[in-house]
Each structure stands twice: as C-alpha cells, then as structure tokens.
Amino acid sequence: MPSIFSYQSAEVDWCEGNFERSRIIAEYYNTISNVGFFILSPVLLYLNRQYCQQRALPLYFVSGLLLCVGIFSTYFHMTLSYMGQLLDELSILWTLAMAYAFWYPRVYFPSYLQGHHFFWLSGITTVISTFMSFIKPAFNAYALNCIAFHLLYLTRRELKKCNDKRVHRMAKVMVMWWVLAITSWISDRWLCGLWQAINFPYFHSFWHVLIAMSLLYCCPLVIYFDINYEMPKFKPKLGYWPSDSWPVVVPYIILEEPHKQC
C-alpha cells in the first residue's frame, strides 16, 4: 500500500498531463493557477477594512481559510497525493461551513434554532461531513459544488429586497464568473478525452482562476447583506477599486451612516 503522502496516490487525476513541465510538479498549470487564492485573501481584508473594524472575526476566518484552500490545492496538484486530495476538499468544506456559521441570515433560521444553536449545528454537521469525507473523497467535489445552488438561491431572495442597481450588477457579474468556472470544472472532468485529443487539457486551471474571480464578487455581496442584518446603524455602499471608470474592477464595501433600508 502506498503512503497517503505518496505522489499520485490520490483517487482523482485531472485532465492535465503529469510531470510534463517539471520533475517535481505533477500538474504544472493546475498548480500555479492557484495564485489567485493567495491574492484573494489579502485583497478582501484590505479593501473591506471598514467592515473588519466592526466585525473582524467573520472576514478574518473566511479569508484565512481561503488562503488554506490555495495552499492545499497547490499541494494536491503538485503531488496528486491522497493527503493532498483530502486537505484540498476539506479546506473548501470548512470555508463554506464558517461562511454559513458567520453570515447565514438569522431571518432564515428555523424557528426552533437561535443564533448560537445554529453555529453549533453548523460545526457538528461539518465535523460529521469531515469524517464522511474519508470514506469516498472523490464524491466530495460534486457535493461541495452543489452547495453553490443554495447560495445562488439565497442571493436571489436577498436581491428581491434590494433596489440598488450596483448590487444587482455585482451579483450578475458574480454569477457570470461562477458559470464560467463550473463549466470549466465539468468540461475538465467529463470531456477530458476531447481536450487531450486537441492538446488543450487545461480547463481545471481555468476553474481555479475563474472561481477566485467569482469569490472576489461573492464576498463583498455577502458582506453587504450581512451589514443590513447585523449592523443596522450603517448603510453599506458598494465601491470599486481602483476606480469606477476602469473596465476591470474589484468591488468592496464602504460603511456610511446613517443606515437606510435597501
């Protein structure tokens, strides 16, 4: 039996050819394309620093876990080890769990759950899911991607309460990046033979870049809604870095007083 740390001991091997451009990096482009996650975390913290001053714990936790996603995904694609696969998938699971625990709106809680009860329920569910991940880790990626549909459903419900056109536009851009990302992920997984036949097996690396772009829009959107629920004395305002006039921008949230209902 090979060690769980051994190269190519994972259950999953993506479409990109192994060790074609490096003797120590199994999937070269799938590895280096994780650079977006290393940029994502400090960008979110820096641009949304006003929010961090008021509610530091959620964004610090989620940004730190997103950095872990980048680290473990890099390790996984570099080695294709079983341990790398588990760490990659579990870091995504725990990032989603923390995002739900901190940011899930109380208005959607079941009537029998209070805030701290929901937090503990999220933690227990995540621990159980973590142990189940060791049984069939290859199935985890599909399950984790399905959570996105619930997030899109919640976003749609929140947008119905909001008349800010800039927020609606940000949500549309987020969905656009997500659709491109999940299309790349599915293409690499299901149409690998086609991409190898035309010598272009790099769609999983596109997934890394595109999902990081989607998260650049998703996190400020979630923060915007969280301010409405948890910080009613402030009015959230959407800003763009470096400027509104630039063709490619990064959104962030500005806090203004007094608050007016969106």
C-alpha atoms as a PDB file:
ATOM      1  CA  MET A   1       0.000   0.000   0.000  1.00  0.00           C
ATOM      2  CA  PRO A   2       1.469   3.398  -0.941  1.00  0.00           C
ATOM      3  CA  SER A   3       1.687   6.123   1.664  1.00  0.00           C
ATOM      4  CA  ILE A   4      -1.128   8.682   1.705  1.00  0.00           C
ATOM      5  CA  PHE A   5       1.620  11.277   1.138  1.00  0.00           C
ATOM      6  CA  SER A   6       2.986   9.488  -1.937  1.00  0.00           C
ATOM      7  CA  TYR A   7       2.895  11.142  -5.327  1.00  0.00           C
ATOM      8  CA  GLN A   8      -0.136  10.062  -7.437  1.00  0.00           C
ATOM      9  CA  SER A   9      -1.811   8.196  -4.559  1.00  0.00           C
ATOM     10  CA  ALA A  10      -5.000  10.304  -4.889  1.00  0.00           C
ATOM     11  CA  GLU A  11      -8.275   8.917  -6.193  1.00  0.00           C
ATOM     12  CA  VAL A  12      -8.554  11.814  -8.645  1.00  0.00           C
ATOM     13  CA  ASP A  13      -6.233  12.681 -11.530  1.00  0.00           C
ATOM     14  CA  TRP A  14      -7.256  15.701 -13.547  1.00  0.00           C
ATOM     15  CA  CYS A  15      -7.000  16.054 -17.296  1.00  0.00           C
ATOM     16  CA  GLU A  16      -3.661  17.831 -17.482  1.00  0.00           C
ATOM     17  CA  GLY A  17      -0.739  15.515 -18.190  1.00  0.00           C
ATOM     18  CA  ASN A  18       1.526  14.671 -15.259  1.00  0.00           C
ATOM     19  CA  PHE A  19       5.158  15.822 -14.928  1.00  0.00           C
ATOM     20  CA  GLU A  20       5.238  17.290 -18.428  1.00  0.00           C
ATOM     21  CA  ARG A  21       6.870  20.572 -17.413  1.00  0.00           C
ATOM     22  CA  SER A  22       8.516  19.741 -14.112  1.00  0.00           C
ATOM     23  CA  ARG A  23      10.012  16.738 -12.364  1.00  0.00           C
ATOM     24  CA  ILE A  24       8.508  17.717  -9.011  1.00  0.00           C
ATOM     25  CA  ILE A  25       5.150  19.260 -10.039  1.00  0.00           C
ATOM     26  CA  ALA A  26       2.644  16.687 -11.249  1.00  0.00           C
ATOM     27  CA  GLU A  27       0.112  19.107 -12.795  1.00  0.00           C
ATOM     28  CA  TYR A  28       2.032  22.280 -13.573  1.00  0.00           C
ATOM     29  CA  TYR A  29      -0.745  24.635 -14.699  1.00  0.00           C
ATOM     30  CA  ASN A  30      -3.259  23.290 -12.184  1.00  0.00           C
ATOM     31  CA  THR A  31      -0.681  24.078  -9.504  1.00  0.00           C
ATOM     32  CA  ILE A  32       0.382  27.599 -10.466  1.00  0.00           C
ATOM     33  CA  SER A  33      -3.197  28.690 -11.252  1.00  0.00           C
ATOM     34  CA  ASN A  34      -3.902  28.679  -7.500  1.00  0.00           C
ATOM     35  CA  VAL A  35      -2.068  32.001  -7.225  1.00  0.00           C
ATOM     36  CA  GLY A  36      -5.488  33.698  -7.271  1.00  0.00           C
ATOM     37  CA  PHE A  37      -6.296  32.380  -3.793  1.00  0.00           C
ATOM     38  CA  PHE A  38      -3.070  33.825  -2.401  1.00  0.00           C
ATOM     39  CA  ILE A  39      -4.077  37.234  -3.779  1.00  0.00           C
ATOM     40  CA  LEU A  40      -7.755  36.924  -2.860  1.00  0.00           C
ATOM     41  CA  SER A  41      -7.401  36.832   0.927  1.00  0.00           C
ATOM     42  CA  PRO A  42      -5.272  39.980   1.451  1.00  0.00           C
ATOM     43  CA  VAL A  43      -7.328  41.877  -1.150  1.00  0.00           C
ATOM     44  CA  LEU A  44     -10.598  41.094   0.673  1.00  0.00           C
ATOM     45  CA  LEU A  45      -9.123  42.113   4.022  1.00  0.00           C
ATOM     46  CA  TYR A  46      -7.543  45.319   2.749  1.00  0.00           C
ATOM     47  CA  LEU A  47     -10.435  46.645   0.654  1.00  0.00           C
ATOM     48  CA  ASN A  48     -13.098  45.753   3.232  1.00  0.00           C
ATOM     49  CA  ARG A  49     -11.104  47.046   6.203  1.00  0.00           C
ATOM     50  CA  GLN A  50     -14.002  49.243   7.390  1.00  0.00           C
ATOM     51  CA  TYR A  51     -16.111  46.124   7.779  1.00  0.00           C
ATOM     52  CA  CYS A  52     -13.222  44.342   9.529  1.00  0.00           C
ATOM     53  CA  GLN A  53     -13.059  47.119  12.103  1.00  0.00           C
ATOM     54  CA  GLN A  54     -16.683  46.397  13.054  1.00  0.00           C
ATOM     55  CA  ARG A  55     -16.921  42.635  12.516  1.00  0.00           C
ATOM     56  CA  ALA A  56     -13.389  41.303  12.231  1.00  0.00           C
ATOM     57  CA  LEU A  57     -13.937  37.639  13.099  1.00  0.00           C
ATOM     58  CA  PRO A  58     -16.033  36.510  10.096  1.00  0.00           C
ATOM     59  CA  LEU A  59     -13.848  38.004   7.388  1.00  0.00           C
ATOM     60  CA  TYR A  60     -10.557  37.064   9.083  1.00  0.00           C
ATOM     61  CA  PHE A  61     -11.737  33.473   9.488  1.00  0.00           C
ATOM     62  CA  VAL A  62     -13.047  33.116   5.934  1.00  0.00           C
ATOM     63  CA  SER A  63     -10.050  34.904   4.370  1.00  0.00           C
ATOM     64  CA  GLY A  64      -7.670  32.678   6.317  1.00  0.00           C
ATOM     65  CA  LEU A  65      -9.494  29.561   5.177  1.00  0.00           C
ATOM     66  CA  LEU A  66      -9.476  30.763   1.558  1.00  0.00           C
ATOM     67  CA  LEU A  67      -5.712  31.074   1.882  1.00  0.00           C
ATOM     68  CA  CYS A  68      -5.660  27.473   3.158  1.00  0.00           C
ATOM     69  CA  VAL A  69      -7.675  26.438   0.102  1.00  0.00           C
ATOM     70  CA  GLY A  70      -4.948  27.905  -2.093  1.00  0.00           C
ATOM     71  CA  ILE A  71      -2.157  26.233  -0.104  1.00  0.00           C
ATOM     72  CA  PHE A  72      -3.769  22.785  -0.032  1.00  0.00           C
ATOM     73  CA  SER A  73      -4.912  22.925  -3.659  1.00  0.00           C
ATOM     74  CA  THR A  74      -1.348  23.809  -4.664  1.00  0.00           C
ATOM     75  CA  TYR A  75      -0.037  20.876  -2.622  1.00  0.00           C
ATOM     76  CA  PHE A  76      -2.621  18.495  -4.091  1.00  0.00           C
ATOM     77  CA  HIS A  77      -1.993  19.350  -7.735  1.00  0.00           C
ATOM     78  CA  MET A  78       1.758  19.390  -7.193  1.00  0.00           C
ATOM     79  CA  THR A  79       1.795  15.866  -5.722  1.00  0.00           C
ATOM     80  CA  LEU A  80      -1.576  14.268  -6.594  1.00  0.00           C
ATOM     81  CA  SER A  81      -1.308  12.626  -3.185  1.00  0.00           C
ATOM     82  CA  TYR A  82      -4.234  11.180  -1.243  1.00  0.00           C
ATOM     83  CA  MET A  83      -3.469  13.505   1.658  1.00  0.00           C
ATOM     84  CA  GLY A  84      -3.386  16.472  -0.702  1.00  0.00           C
ATOM     85  CA  GLN A  85      -6.777  15.488  -2.091  1.00  0.00           C
ATOM     86  CA  LEU A  86      -8.290  15.284   1.393  1.00  0.00           C
ATOM     87  CA  LEU A  87      -6.771  18.586   2.516  1.00  0.00           C
ATOM     88  CA  ASP A  88      -7.924  20.320  -0.660  1.00  0.00           C
ATOM     89  CA  GLU A  89     -11.530  19.165  -0.310  1.00  0.00           C
ATOM     90  CA  LEU A  90     -11.741  19.575   3.468  1.00  0.00           C
ATOM     91  CA  SER A  91     -10.392  23.135   3.315  1.00  0.00           C
ATOM     92  CA  ILE A  92     -13.248  24.011   0.934  1.00  0.00           C
ATOM     93  CA  LEU A  93     -15.758  22.273   3.218  1.00  0.00           C
ATOM     94  CA  TRP A  94     -14.565  24.194   6.286  1.00  0.00           C
ATOM     95  CA  THR A  95     -14.515  27.503   4.398  1.00  0.00           C
ATOM     96  CA  LEU A  96     -18.144  27.015   3.395  1.00  0.00           C
ATOM     97  CA  ALA A  97     -19.043  25.924   6.921  1.00  0.00           C
ATOM     98  CA  MET A  98     -17.513  29.014   8.505  1.00  0.00           C
ATOM     99  CA  ALA A  99     -19.168  31.276   5.933  1.00  0.00           C
ATOM    100  CA  TYR A 100     -22.550  29.738   6.757  1.00  0.00           C
ATOM    101  CA  ALA A 101     -21.944  29.882  10.501  1.00  0.00           C
ATOM    102  CA  PHE A 102     -20.967  33.568  10.481  1.00  0.00           C
ATOM    103  CA  TRP A 103     -23.031  35.004   7.638  1.00  0.00           C
ATOM    104  CA  TYR A 104     -26.191  32.930   7.244  1.00  0.00           C
ATOM    105  CA  PRO A 105     -29.017  35.467   7.874  1.00  0.00           C
ATOM    106  CA  ARG A 106     -30.948  34.851  11.085  1.00  0.00           C
ATOM    107  CA  VAL A 107     -34.197  35.542   9.279  1.00  0.00           C
ATOM    108  CA  TYR A 108     -33.783  32.191   7.511  1.00  0.00           C
ATOM    109  CA  PHE A 109     -33.126  30.222  10.716  1.00  0.00           C
ATOM    110  CA  PRO A 110     -35.750  27.584  11.588  1.00  0.00           C
ATOM    111  CA  SER A 111     -37.983  28.842  14.404  1.00  0.00           C
ATOM    112  CA  TYR A 112     -36.560  26.322  16.886  1.00  0.00           C
ATOM    113  CA  LEU A 113     -32.955  27.490  16.376  1.00  0.00           C
ATOM    114  CA  GLN A 114     -31.343  30.525  17.984  1.00  0.00           C
ATOM    115  CA  GLY A 115     -28.101  32.096  16.742  1.00  0.00           C
ATOM    116  CA  HIS A 116     -25.697  30.111  18.918  1.00  0.00           C
ATOM    117  CA  HIS A 117     -27.648  26.886  18.285  1.00  0.00           C
ATOM    118  CA  PHE A 118     -27.218  27.343  14.525  1.00  0.00           C
ATOM    119  CA  PHE A 119     -23.489  27.954  14.987  1.00  0.00           C
ATOM    120  CA  TRP A 120     -23.089  24.694  16.905  1.00  0.00           C
ATOM    121  CA  LEU A 121     -25.289  22.796  14.442  1.00  0.00           C
ATOM    122  CA  SER A 122     -23.085  24.033  11.593  1.00  0.00           C
ATOM    123  CA  GLY A 123     -19.985  22.894  13.487  1.00  0.00           C
ATOM    124  CA  ILE A 124     -21.365  19.431  14.255  1.00  0.00           C
ATOM    125  CA  THR A 125     -22.527  18.965  10.655  1.00  0.00           C
ATOM    126  CA  THR A 126     -19.100  19.975   9.380  1.00  0.00           C
ATOM    127  CA  VAL A 127     -17.286  17.571  11.719  1.00  0.00           C
ATOM    128  CA  ILE A 128     -19.562  14.701  10.614  1.00  0.00           C
ATOM    129  CA  SER A 129     -19.033  15.634   6.947  1.00  0.00           C
ATOM    130  CA  THR A 130     -15.281  15.724   7.569  1.00  0.00           C
ATOM    131  CA  PHE A 131     -15.255  12.141   8.824  1.00  0.00           C
ATOM    132  CA  MET A 132     -17.505  11.029   5.959  1.00  0.00           C
ATOM    133  CA  SER A 133     -15.057  12.589   3.527  1.00  0.00           C
ATOM    134  CA  PHE A 134     -12.541   9.849   4.322  1.00  0.00           C
ATOM    135  CA  ILE A 135     -14.972   7.212   3.027  1.00  0.00           C
ATOM    136  CA  LYS A 136     -15.292   8.477  -0.553  1.00  0.00           C
ATOM    137  CA  PRO A 137     -13.292  11.689  -1.076  1.00  0.00           C
ATOM    138  CA  ALA A 138     -13.775  11.653  -4.865  1.00  0.00           C
ATOM    139  CA  PHE A 139     -17.502  12.255  -4.318  1.00  0.00           C
ATOM    140  CA  ASN A 140     -16.865  15.347  -2.184  1.00  0.00           C
ATOM    141  CA  ALA A 141     -16.119  17.680  -5.082  1.00  0.00           C
ATOM    142  CA  TYR A 142     -19.578  17.120  -6.577  1.00  0.00           C
ATOM    143  CA  ALA A 143     -21.279  17.619  -3.206  1.00  0.00           C
ATOM    144  CA  LEU A 144     -19.347  20.815  -2.491  1.00  0.00           C
ATOM    145  CA  ASN A 145     -20.204  22.285  -5.888  1.00  0.00           C
ATOM    146  CA  CYS A 146     -23.897  21.589  -5.280  1.00  0.00           C
ATOM    147  CA  ILE A 147     -23.827  23.942  -2.259  1.00  0.00           C
ATOM    148  CA  ALA A 148     -23.395  26.779  -4.759  1.00  0.00           C
ATOM    149  CA  PHE A 149     -27.006  26.323  -5.855  1.00  0.00           C
ATOM    150  CA  HIS A 150     -28.223  27.058  -2.333  1.00  0.00           C
ATOM    151  CA  LEU A 151     -26.013  30.148  -2.207  1.00  0.00           C
ATOM    152  CA  LEU A 152     -27.480  31.330  -5.510  1.00  0.00           C
ATOM    153  CA  TYR A 153     -30.982  30.762  -4.131  1.00  0.00           C
ATOM    154  CA  LEU A 154     -30.213  32.858  -1.041  1.00  0.00           C
ATOM    155  CA  THR A 155     -28.695  35.592  -3.213  1.00  0.00           C
ATOM    156  CA  ARG A 156     -31.847  35.721  -5.328  1.00  0.00           C
ATOM    157  CA  ARG A 157     -34.011  36.095  -2.219  1.00  0.00           C
ATOM    158  CA  GLU A 158     -31.860  38.905  -0.875  1.00  0.00           C
ATOM    159  CA  LEU A 159     -31.776  40.752  -4.187  1.00  0.00           C
ATOM    160  CA  LYS A 160     -35.568  40.873  -4.194  1.00  0.00           C
ATOM    161  CA  LYS A 161     -35.340  43.093  -1.091  1.00  0.00           C
ATOM    162  CA  CYS A 162     -32.736  45.408  -2.619  1.00  0.00           C
ATOM    163  CA  ASN A 163     -33.233  48.196  -5.174  1.00  0.00           C
ATOM    164  CA  ASP A 164     -29.570  49.157  -5.532  1.00  0.00           C
ATOM    165  CA  LYS A 165     -28.722  48.584  -9.201  1.00  0.00           C
ATOM    166  CA  ARG A 166     -24.996  48.388  -8.452  1.00  0.00           C
ATOM    167  CA  VAL A 167     -25.592  45.456  -6.099  1.00  0.00           C
ATOM    168  CA  HIS A 168     -27.703  43.678  -8.713  1.00  0.00           C
ATOM    169  CA  ARG A 169     -24.951  44.243 -11.272  1.00  0.00           C
ATOM    170  CA  MET A 170     -22.336  42.855  -8.876  1.00  0.00           C
ATOM    171  CA  ALA A 171     -24.468  39.736  -8.360  1.00  0.00           C
ATOM    172  CA  LYS A 172     -24.799  39.237 -12.126  1.00  0.00           C
ATOM    173  CA  VAL A 173     -21.031  39.500 -12.596  1.00  0.00           C
ATOM    174  CA  MET A 174     -20.505  37.026  -9.732  1.00  0.00           C
ATOM    175  CA  VAL A 175     -22.879  34.539 -11.382  1.00  0.00           C
ATOM    176  CA  MET A 176     -21.178  35.042 -14.757  1.00  0.00           C
ATOM    177  CA  TRP A 177     -17.759  34.144 -13.297  1.00  0.00           C
ATOM    178  CA  TRP A 178     -19.286  31.174 -11.432  1.00  0.00           C
ATOM    179  CA  VAL A 179     -20.982  29.810 -14.582  1.00  0.00           C
ATOM    180  CA  LEU A 180     -17.699  30.058 -16.490  1.00  0.00           C
ATOM    181  CA  ALA A 181     -15.890  28.400 -13.564  1.00  0.00           C
ATOM    182  CA  ILE A 182     -18.272  25.455 -13.128  1.00  0.00           C
ATOM    183  CA  THR A 183     -18.390  24.970 -16.922  1.00  0.00           C
ATOM    184  CA  SER A 184     -14.592  24.688 -16.924  1.00  0.00           C
ATOM    185  CA  TRP A 185     -14.663  22.240 -13.989  1.00  0.00           C
ATOM    186  CA  ILE A 186     -17.282  19.989 -15.643  1.00  0.00           C
ATOM    187  CA  SER A 187     -15.526  20.183 -19.009  1.00  0.00           C
ATOM    188  CA  ASP A 188     -12.242  19.016 -17.499  1.00  0.00           C
ATOM    189  CA  ARG A 189     -13.958  16.224 -15.592  1.00  0.00           C
ATOM    190  CA  TRP A 190     -16.316  14.900 -18.266  1.00  0.00           C
ATOM    191  CA  LEU A 191     -14.731  15.860 -21.601  1.00  0.00           C
ATOM    192  CA  CYS A 192     -11.115  15.096 -20.835  1.00  0.00           C
ATOM    193  CA  GLY A 193     -10.683  12.834 -23.869  1.00  0.00           C
ATOM    194  CA  LEU A 194     -11.729  15.653 -26.192  1.00  0.00           C
ATOM    195  CA  TRP A 195      -9.335  18.197 -24.648  1.00  0.00           C
ATOM    196  CA  GLN A 196      -6.458  15.731 -24.693  1.00  0.00           C
ATOM    197  CA  ALA A 197      -7.183  14.958 -28.338  1.00  0.00           C
ATOM    198  CA  ILE A 198      -6.750  18.631 -29.254  1.00  0.00           C
ATOM    199  CA  ASN A 199      -3.840  19.017 -26.793  1.00  0.00           C
ATOM    200  CA  PHE A 200      -5.596  21.544 -24.555  1.00  0.00           C
ATOM    201  CA  PRO A 201      -6.259  19.797 -21.192  1.00  0.00           C
ATOM    202  CA  TYR A 202      -6.125  22.943 -19.036  1.00  0.00           C
ATOM    203  CA  PHE A 203      -9.731  23.637 -18.059  1.00  0.00           C
ATOM    204  CA  HIS A 204      -9.208  22.776 -14.393  1.00  0.00           C
ATOM    205  CA  SER A 205      -6.617  25.544 -14.169  1.00  0.00           C
ATOM    206  CA  PHE A 206      -9.242  27.887 -15.650  1.00  0.00           C
ATOM    207  CA  TRP A 207     -11.558  26.751 -12.845  1.00  0.00           C
ATOM    208  CA  HIS A 208      -9.077  27.945 -10.225  1.00  0.00           C
ATOM    209  CA  VAL A 209      -8.766  31.396 -11.775  1.00  0.00           C
ATOM    210  CA  LEU A 210     -12.477  31.838 -12.522  1.00  0.00           C
ATOM    211  CA  ILE A 211     -13.747  30.674  -9.117  1.00  0.00           C
ATOM    212  CA  ALA A 212     -11.334  33.092  -7.439  1.00  0.00           C
ATOM    213  CA  MET A 213     -12.787  35.865  -9.612  1.00  0.00           C
ATOM    214  CA  SER A 214     -16.298  34.824  -8.606  1.00  0.00           C
ATOM    215  CA  LEU A 215     -15.339  34.931  -4.929  1.00  0.00           C
ATOM    216  CA  LEU A 216     -13.978  38.464  -5.370  1.00  0.00           C
ATOM    217  CA  TYR A 217     -17.578  39.475  -6.093  1.00  0.00           C
ATOM    218  CA  CYS A 218     -19.320  36.970  -3.838  1.00  0.00           C
ATOM    219  CA  CYS A 219     -17.642  38.004  -0.578  1.00  0.00           C
ATOM    220  CA  PRO A 220     -18.468  41.741  -0.825  1.00  0.00           C
ATOM    221  CA  LEU A 221     -22.031  40.787  -1.780  1.00  0.00           C
ATOM    222  CA  VAL A 222     -22.368  38.628   1.334  1.00  0.00           C
ATOM    223  CA  ILE A 223     -20.820  41.401   3.444  1.00  0.00           C
ATOM    224  CA  TYR A 224     -23.342  43.878   2.016  1.00  0.00           C
ATOM    225  CA  PHE A 225     -26.257  41.725   3.127  1.00  0.00           C
ATOM    226  CA  ASP A 226     -24.628  40.975   6.485  1.00  0.00           C
ATOM    227  CA  ILE A 227     -24.349  44.698   7.257  1.00  0.00           C
ATOM    228  CA  ASN A 228     -28.061  45.121   6.587  1.00  0.00           C
ATOM    229  CA  TYR A 229     -28.868  42.424   9.156  1.00  0.00           C
ATOM    230  CA  GLU A 230     -26.137  42.717  11.777  1.00  0.00           C
ATOM    231  CA  MET A 231     -25.038  46.374  11.628  1.00  0.00           C
ATOM    232  CA  PRO A 232     -28.262  48.386  11.161  1.00  0.00           C
ATOM    233  CA  LYS A 233     -26.664  51.698  12.174  1.00  0.00           C
ATOM    234  CA  PHE A 234     -24.583  51.614   8.980  1.00  0.00           C
ATOM    235  CA  LYS A 235     -25.566  51.954   5.356  1.00  0.00           C
ATOM    236  CA  PRO A 236     -23.464  49.708   3.096  1.00  0.00           C
ATOM    237  CA  LYS A 237     -22.282  51.275  -0.126  1.00  0.00           C
ATOM    238  CA  LEU A 238     -20.618  49.464  -2.993  1.00  0.00           C
ATOM    239  CA  GLY A 239     -17.270  50.801  -4.193  1.00  0.00           C
ATOM    240  CA  TYR A 240     -14.904  49.717  -6.952  1.00  0.00           C
ATOM    241  CA  TRP A 241     -11.118  49.542  -6.874  1.00  0.00           C
ATOM    242  CA  PRO A 242      -9.165  51.139  -8.454  1.00  0.00           C
ATOM    243  CA  SER A 243     -11.942  53.298  -9.946  1.00  0.00           C
ATOM    244  CA  ASP A 244     -15.496  53.080 -11.277  1.00  0.00           C
ATOM    245  CA  SER A 245     -14.209  54.062 -14.719  1.00  0.00           C
ATOM    246  CA  TRP A 246     -11.860  51.105 -15.103  1.00  0.00           C
ATOM    247  CA  PRO A 247     -13.066  48.219 -17.332  1.00  0.00           C
ATOM    248  CA  VAL A 248     -11.933  45.579 -14.797  1.00  0.00           C
ATOM    249  CA  VAL A 249     -12.606  46.389 -11.143  1.00  0.00           C
ATOM    250  CA  VAL A 250     -12.679  44.757  -7.713  1.00  0.00           C
ATOM    251  CA  PRO A 251     -15.791  45.544  -5.624  1.00  0.00           C
ATOM    252  CA  TYR A 252     -15.657  46.328  -1.923  1.00  0.00           C
ATOM    253  CA  ILE A 253     -17.980  47.676   0.763  1.00  0.00           C
ATOM    254  CA  ILE A 254     -17.932  51.153   2.289  1.00  0.00           C
ATOM    255  CA  LEU A 255     -19.775  51.862   5.552  1.00  0.00           C
ATOM    256  CA  GLU A 256     -21.824  55.029   5.769  1.00  0.00           C
ATOM    257  CA  GLU A 257     -24.081  56.477   8.454  1.00  0.00           C
ATOM    258  CA  PRO A 258     -26.997  56.698   8.898  1.00  0.00           C
ATOM    259  CA  HIS A 259     -28.437  53.470   7.557  1.00  0.00           C
ATOM    260  CA  LYS A 260     -31.321  53.492   5.111  1.00  0.00           C
ATOM    261  CA  GLN A 261     -33.114  50.307   4.264  1.00  0.00           C
ATOM    262  CA  CYS A 262     -32.003  48.973   0.867  1.00  0.00           C
END
